[in-house]
Structures are given as structure tokens and as C-alpha cells.
Amino acid sequence: MPGLVHVTTTINGNEVNFLCEPRQSLLECLRDVLGMTGTKEGCNDGNCGACTVMFDGRIVTSCLVLGVEAQGKEITTIEGLATPQGLHPMQQAFLEQAALQCGICTPGFIMASKALLDQEPDADEHRIRHWLAGNLCRCTGYDKIIRAVLQAEETMKASK
């Protein structure tokens, strides 16, 4: 097929090959090409954070990254957090604190929160709120989300 680019990348620890158009976003490639629908499309212009993924160790809004930029990179999506043993502590805390409703923003909040605690395992509420300022939620309000992140922080510290 003319105009398609072959991309080889690592997603959630697995080598993945796919074809995409040079103009396609990573979000489109994840959802439409690879069928990984855990990453959500919110605004499609980088303002809501719903499509947040880890991209070579840093969080990015996947709607603003081209799929071809994934070549040789390591990507972690919401699908990559749980293990056969169970949910990641961040996912579990979001469930226990009822920090979700419609689910559109949830994967982005979870990925961003996990990234924060990976870098700053002792983040306080102020730091969490600042870090998550790029993620928007229209349903829950933010208190339950902050409580979930603080709960996950304690769980993650206890498991080390």
C-alpha cells in the first residue's frame, strides 16, 4: 500500500510491528490499527490528558505524537499496567476510591499518576494536584482521584 510506513516498536513489553500513514497519531495507531482501545480519545488536541501513555519513560499525550515517531521506542499503555496476578495498585486504588465514572479520562489519570509516583514516591497532595493539572475530568471531581493516588502511593511504598 503506497504511503504507509512500517513501524517497529515495543508496546507493554512486546515487540509490535504495524503500518500507518505518516499523518496518523500514535493514539490512532494504538486504537484503530492495533486495537488497543484502553487509551481514550478525549479532545484530540492535547488538552485533556485522556490519551496519556508512557513514551520512552515520559508521559505524552498520544494524540500529539505521530505513530511513525514510535519507531524503536518503548511505550506503555493502560493495558500494560495489570499483570496476571492482578491490577496495578494505581488501578486498584481508582476502583476502591470510586475515582471514575464514564471512564474516558481514567486511563490518562492512571498513567500520569503512576508516572509521578515512579519519579516521586513521596508526592504530597499539592504535588499530585499540580502534576495532574494536564488531565481533565468532567464527571468525578478531583477529590476521589487524589485520594486514589494517595492510597496507591501507600500501597506501592508498603510493597517495596
C-alpha atoms as a PDB file:
ATOM      1  CA  MET A   1       0.000   0.000   0.000  1.00  0.00           C
ATOM      2  CA  PRO A   2       1.613   3.253  -1.054  1.00  0.00           C
ATOM      3  CA  GLY A   3       2.187   5.896   1.563  1.00  0.00           C
ATOM      4  CA  LEU A   4       2.198   3.564   4.550  1.00  0.00           C
ATOM      5  CA  VAL A   5       5.166   3.420   6.904  1.00  0.00           C
ATOM      6  CA  HIS A   6       6.322   0.271   8.685  1.00  0.00           C
ATOM      7  CA  VAL A   7       6.911   0.871  12.403  1.00  0.00           C
ATOM      8  CA  THR A   8       8.592  -1.498  14.840  1.00  0.00           C
ATOM      9  CA  THR A   9       8.205  -0.579  18.486  1.00  0.00           C
ATOM     10  CA  THR A  10       7.799  -2.111  21.929  1.00  0.00           C
ATOM     11  CA  ILE A  11       4.367  -1.770  23.496  1.00  0.00           C
ATOM     12  CA  ASN A  12       3.768  -3.078  27.003  1.00  0.00           C
ATOM     13  CA  GLY A  13       6.934  -5.155  26.784  1.00  0.00           C
ATOM     14  CA  ASN A  14       6.124  -6.800  23.455  1.00  0.00           C
ATOM     15  CA  GLU A  15       7.692  -6.051  20.095  1.00  0.00           C
ATOM     16  CA  VAL A  16       4.973  -4.791  17.766  1.00  0.00           C
ATOM     17  CA  ASN A  17       5.026  -4.102  14.034  1.00  0.00           C
ATOM     18  CA  PHE A  18       2.379  -2.052  12.293  1.00  0.00           C
ATOM     19  CA  LEU A  19       1.736   0.014   9.199  1.00  0.00           C
ATOM     20  CA  CYS A  20       0.470   3.558   9.456  1.00  0.00           C
ATOM     21  CA  GLU A  21       0.070   6.679   7.431  1.00  0.00           C
ATOM     22  CA  PRO A  22       2.712   9.328   8.180  1.00  0.00           C
ATOM     23  CA  ARG A  23      -0.028  11.695   9.421  1.00  0.00           C
ATOM     24  CA  GLN A  24      -1.635   9.245  11.871  1.00  0.00           C
ATOM     25  CA  SER A  25      -1.265   9.975  15.550  1.00  0.00           C
ATOM     26  CA  LEU A  26       0.027   7.395  17.984  1.00  0.00           C
ATOM     27  CA  LEU A  27      -3.456   7.446  19.528  1.00  0.00           C
ATOM     28  CA  GLU A  28      -5.000   6.465  16.186  1.00  0.00           C
ATOM     29  CA  CYS A  29      -2.401   3.754  15.699  1.00  0.00           C
ATOM     30  CA  LEU A  30      -2.986   2.305  19.159  1.00  0.00           C
ATOM     31  CA  ARG A  31      -6.776   2.321  18.871  1.00  0.00           C
ATOM     32  CA  ASP A  32      -7.522   1.871  15.170  1.00  0.00           C
ATOM     33  CA  VAL A  33      -4.524  -0.050  13.846  1.00  0.00           C
ATOM     34  CA  LEU A  34      -3.557  -2.179  16.854  1.00  0.00           C
ATOM     35  CA  GLY A  35      -6.978  -2.470  18.518  1.00  0.00           C
ATOM     36  CA  MET A  36      -5.672  -1.256  21.889  1.00  0.00           C
ATOM     37  CA  THR A  37      -8.716   0.732  22.954  1.00  0.00           C
ATOM     38  CA  GLY A  38      -7.723   1.312  26.585  1.00  0.00           C
ATOM     39  CA  THR A  39      -6.131   4.621  25.649  1.00  0.00           C
ATOM     40  CA  LYS A  40      -9.015   7.046  25.156  1.00  0.00           C
ATOM     41  CA  GLU A  41      -9.591   9.944  22.807  1.00  0.00           C
ATOM     42  CA  GLY A  42     -10.904  12.998  24.577  1.00  0.00           C
ATOM     43  CA  CYS A  43     -10.106  16.298  22.909  1.00  0.00           C
ATOM     44  CA  ASN A  44      -7.662  15.142  20.199  1.00  0.00           C
ATOM     45  CA  ASP A  45      -5.646  18.353  20.649  1.00  0.00           C
ATOM     46  CA  GLY A  46      -3.522  17.622  23.721  1.00  0.00           C
ATOM     47  CA  ASN A  47      -5.576  19.482  26.302  1.00  0.00           C
ATOM     48  CA  CYS A  48      -7.419  16.787  28.268  1.00  0.00           C
ATOM     49  CA  GLY A  49      -4.830  14.068  29.004  1.00  0.00           C
ATOM     50  CA  ALA A  50      -7.226  11.166  28.316  1.00  0.00           C
ATOM     51  CA  CYS A  51      -4.758   9.642  25.843  1.00  0.00           C
ATOM     52  CA  THR A  52      -1.705   9.790  28.140  1.00  0.00           C
ATOM     53  CA  VAL A  53       0.806   6.961  27.677  1.00  0.00           C
ATOM     54  CA  MET A  54       4.413   6.379  28.686  1.00  0.00           C
ATOM     55  CA  PHE A  55       6.763   7.011  25.753  1.00  0.00           C
ATOM     56  CA  ASP A  56      10.393   6.126  26.391  1.00  0.00           C
ATOM     57  CA  GLY A  57       9.988   6.792  30.100  1.00  0.00           C
ATOM     58  CA  ARG A  58       7.994  10.003  29.998  1.00  0.00           C
ATOM     59  CA  ILE A  59       4.315  10.749  29.726  1.00  0.00           C
ATOM     60  CA  VAL A  60       2.950  12.099  26.462  1.00  0.00           C
ATOM     61  CA  THR A  61      -0.479  12.810  25.089  1.00  0.00           C
ATOM     62  CA  SER A  62      -0.593  10.234  22.318  1.00  0.00           C
ATOM     63  CA  CYS A  63      -2.880  12.401  20.173  1.00  0.00           C
ATOM     64  CA  LEU A  64       0.069  14.785  19.684  1.00  0.00           C
ATOM     65  CA  VAL A  65       2.677  12.143  18.826  1.00  0.00           C
ATOM     66  CA  LEU A  66       2.830  10.711  15.339  1.00  0.00           C
ATOM     67  CA  GLY A  67       2.653   6.951  15.033  1.00  0.00           C
ATOM     68  CA  VAL A  68       5.859   6.948  12.988  1.00  0.00           C
ATOM     69  CA  GLU A  69       7.651   8.513  15.976  1.00  0.00           C
ATOM     70  CA  ALA A  70       7.112   5.243  17.851  1.00  0.00           C
ATOM     71  CA  GLN A  71       9.816   3.591  15.728  1.00  0.00           C
ATOM     72  CA  GLY A  72      12.278   1.954  18.120  1.00  0.00           C
ATOM     73  CA  LYS A  73      10.592   3.424  21.198  1.00  0.00           C
ATOM     74  CA  GLU A  74       9.196   1.798  24.312  1.00  0.00           C
ATOM     75  CA  ILE A  75       5.547   2.541  25.016  1.00  0.00           C
ATOM     76  CA  THR A  76       3.386   1.605  27.985  1.00  0.00           C
ATOM     77  CA  THR A  77      -0.370   1.927  27.790  1.00  0.00           C
ATOM     78  CA  ILE A  78      -3.058   1.299  30.393  1.00  0.00           C
ATOM     79  CA  GLU A  79      -3.254  -2.290  29.119  1.00  0.00           C
ATOM     80  CA  GLY A  80       0.349  -2.799  30.210  1.00  0.00           C
ATOM     81  CA  LEU A  81      -0.106  -1.996  33.902  1.00  0.00           C
ATOM     82  CA  ALA A  82      -2.036  -5.024  35.143  1.00  0.00           C
ATOM     83  CA  THR A  83      -0.339  -8.399  35.460  1.00  0.00           C
ATOM     84  CA  PRO A  84      -1.761 -11.927  35.519  1.00  0.00           C
ATOM     85  CA  GLN A  85      -1.625 -11.607  39.324  1.00  0.00           C
ATOM     86  CA  GLY A  86      -3.941  -8.605  39.351  1.00  0.00           C
ATOM     87  CA  LEU A  87      -4.395  -4.918  38.816  1.00  0.00           C
ATOM     88  CA  HIS A  88      -1.613  -2.410  39.358  1.00  0.00           C
ATOM     89  CA  PRO A  89      -2.019  -0.681  42.762  1.00  0.00           C
ATOM     90  CA  MET A  90      -2.986   2.534  40.962  1.00  0.00           C
ATOM     91  CA  GLN A  91      -5.767   0.779  39.057  1.00  0.00           C
ATOM     92  CA  GLN A  92      -6.961  -0.927  42.236  1.00  0.00           C
ATOM     93  CA  ALA A  93      -6.993   2.355  44.161  1.00  0.00           C
ATOM     94  CA  PHE A  94      -9.053   4.055  41.453  1.00  0.00           C
ATOM     95  CA  LEU A  95     -11.619   1.264  41.779  1.00  0.00           C
ATOM     96  CA  GLU A  96     -11.661   1.301  45.580  1.00  0.00           C
ATOM     97  CA  GLN A  97     -11.942   5.080  45.806  1.00  0.00           C
ATOM     98  CA  ALA A  98     -14.622   5.232  43.068  1.00  0.00           C
ATOM     99  CA  ALA A  99     -12.356   7.666  41.223  1.00  0.00           C
ATOM    100  CA  LEU A 100     -14.008   7.041  37.889  1.00  0.00           C
ATOM    101  CA  GLN A 101     -17.386   7.350  36.271  1.00  0.00           C
ATOM    102  CA  CYS A 102     -17.608   7.484  32.488  1.00  0.00           C
ATOM    103  CA  GLY A 103     -14.067   6.130  32.073  1.00  0.00           C
ATOM    104  CA  ILE A 104     -12.840   8.437  29.314  1.00  0.00           C
ATOM    105  CA  CYS A 105     -10.275  10.257  31.467  1.00  0.00           C
ATOM    106  CA  THR A 106      -9.417   7.332  33.755  1.00  0.00           C
ATOM    107  CA  PRO A 107      -6.606   5.686  31.737  1.00  0.00           C
ATOM    108  CA  GLY A 108      -4.851   9.038  31.327  1.00  0.00           C
ATOM    109  CA  PHE A 109      -5.136   9.843  35.022  1.00  0.00           C
ATOM    110  CA  ILE A 110      -3.828   6.403  35.967  1.00  0.00           C
ATOM    111  CA  MET A 111      -0.860   6.594  33.590  1.00  0.00           C
ATOM    112  CA  ALA A 112       0.061  10.128  34.688  1.00  0.00           C
ATOM    113  CA  SER A 113      -0.329   9.258  38.381  1.00  0.00           C
ATOM    114  CA  LYS A 114       1.813   6.152  38.043  1.00  0.00           C
ATOM    115  CA  ALA A 115       4.499   8.177  36.271  1.00  0.00           C
ATOM    116  CA  LEU A 116       4.503  10.705  39.103  1.00  0.00           C
ATOM    117  CA  LEU A 117       4.864   8.061  41.806  1.00  0.00           C
ATOM    118  CA  ASP A 118       7.598   6.300  39.819  1.00  0.00           C
ATOM    119  CA  GLN A 119       9.561   9.565  39.942  1.00  0.00           C
ATOM    120  CA  GLU A 120       8.399  10.895  43.296  1.00  0.00           C
ATOM    121  CA  PRO A 121       7.236   8.077  45.588  1.00  0.00           C
ATOM    122  CA  ASP A 122       6.544  10.557  48.416  1.00  0.00           C
ATOM    123  CA  ALA A 123       4.462  13.086  46.482  1.00  0.00           C
ATOM    124  CA  ASP A 124       2.091  15.094  48.656  1.00  0.00           C
ATOM    125  CA  GLU A 125      -1.416  16.194  47.712  1.00  0.00           C
ATOM    126  CA  HIS A 126      -0.232  19.558  46.398  1.00  0.00           C
ATOM    127  CA  ARG A 127       2.330  17.913  44.135  1.00  0.00           C
ATOM    128  CA  ILE A 128      -0.199  15.355  42.885  1.00  0.00           C
ATOM    129  CA  ARG A 129      -2.705  18.092  42.036  1.00  0.00           C
ATOM    130  CA  HIS A 130      -0.002  20.078  40.234  1.00  0.00           C
ATOM    131  CA  TRP A 131       1.221  17.011  38.296  1.00  0.00           C
ATOM    132  CA  LEU A 132      -2.314  16.073  37.211  1.00  0.00           C
ATOM    133  CA  ALA A 133      -3.238  19.594  36.096  1.00  0.00           C
ATOM    134  CA  GLY A 134      -2.998  18.465  32.462  1.00  0.00           C
ATOM    135  CA  ASN A 135      -5.641  15.773  32.960  1.00  0.00           C
ATOM    136  CA  LEU A 136      -9.269  16.843  32.894  1.00  0.00           C
ATOM    137  CA  CYS A 137     -12.309  15.060  34.311  1.00  0.00           C
ATOM    138  CA  ARG A 138     -15.874  16.169  33.754  1.00  0.00           C
ATOM    139  CA  CYS A 139     -17.576  13.533  35.919  1.00  0.00           C
ATOM    140  CA  THR A 140     -15.948  12.758  39.249  1.00  0.00           C
ATOM    141  CA  GLY A 141     -14.491  15.978  40.513  1.00  0.00           C
ATOM    142  CA  TYR A 142     -10.919  15.558  41.574  1.00  0.00           C
ATOM    143  CA  ASP A 143     -11.056  14.659  45.275  1.00  0.00           C
ATOM    144  CA  LYS A 144     -11.673  10.953  44.661  1.00  0.00           C
ATOM    145  CA  ILE A 145      -8.858  10.881  42.128  1.00  0.00           C
ATOM    146  CA  ILE A 146      -6.431  12.491  44.571  1.00  0.00           C
ATOM    147  CA  ARG A 147      -7.491  10.046  47.309  1.00  0.00           C
ATOM    148  CA  ALA A 148      -6.886   7.169  44.901  1.00  0.00           C
ATOM    149  CA  VAL A 149      -3.377   8.379  44.081  1.00  0.00           C
ATOM    150  CA  LEU A 150      -2.553   8.803  47.782  1.00  0.00           C
ATOM    151  CA  GLN A 151      -3.878   5.295  48.507  1.00  0.00           C
ATOM    152  CA  ALA A 152      -1.820   3.816  45.662  1.00  0.00           C
ATOM    153  CA  GLU A 153       1.220   5.678  46.946  1.00  0.00           C
ATOM    154  CA  GLU A 154       0.866   3.996  50.340  1.00  0.00           C
ATOM    155  CA  THR A 155       0.279   0.578  48.779  1.00  0.00           C
ATOM    156  CA  MET A 156       3.285   0.936  46.488  1.00  0.00           C
ATOM    157  CA  LYS A 157       5.525   2.021  49.378  1.00  0.00           C
ATOM    158  CA  ALA A 158       4.372  -0.919  51.512  1.00  0.00           C
ATOM    159  CA  SER A 159       5.131  -3.428  48.753  1.00  0.00           C
ATOM    160  CA  LYS A 160       8.778  -2.325  48.403  1.00  0.00           C
END
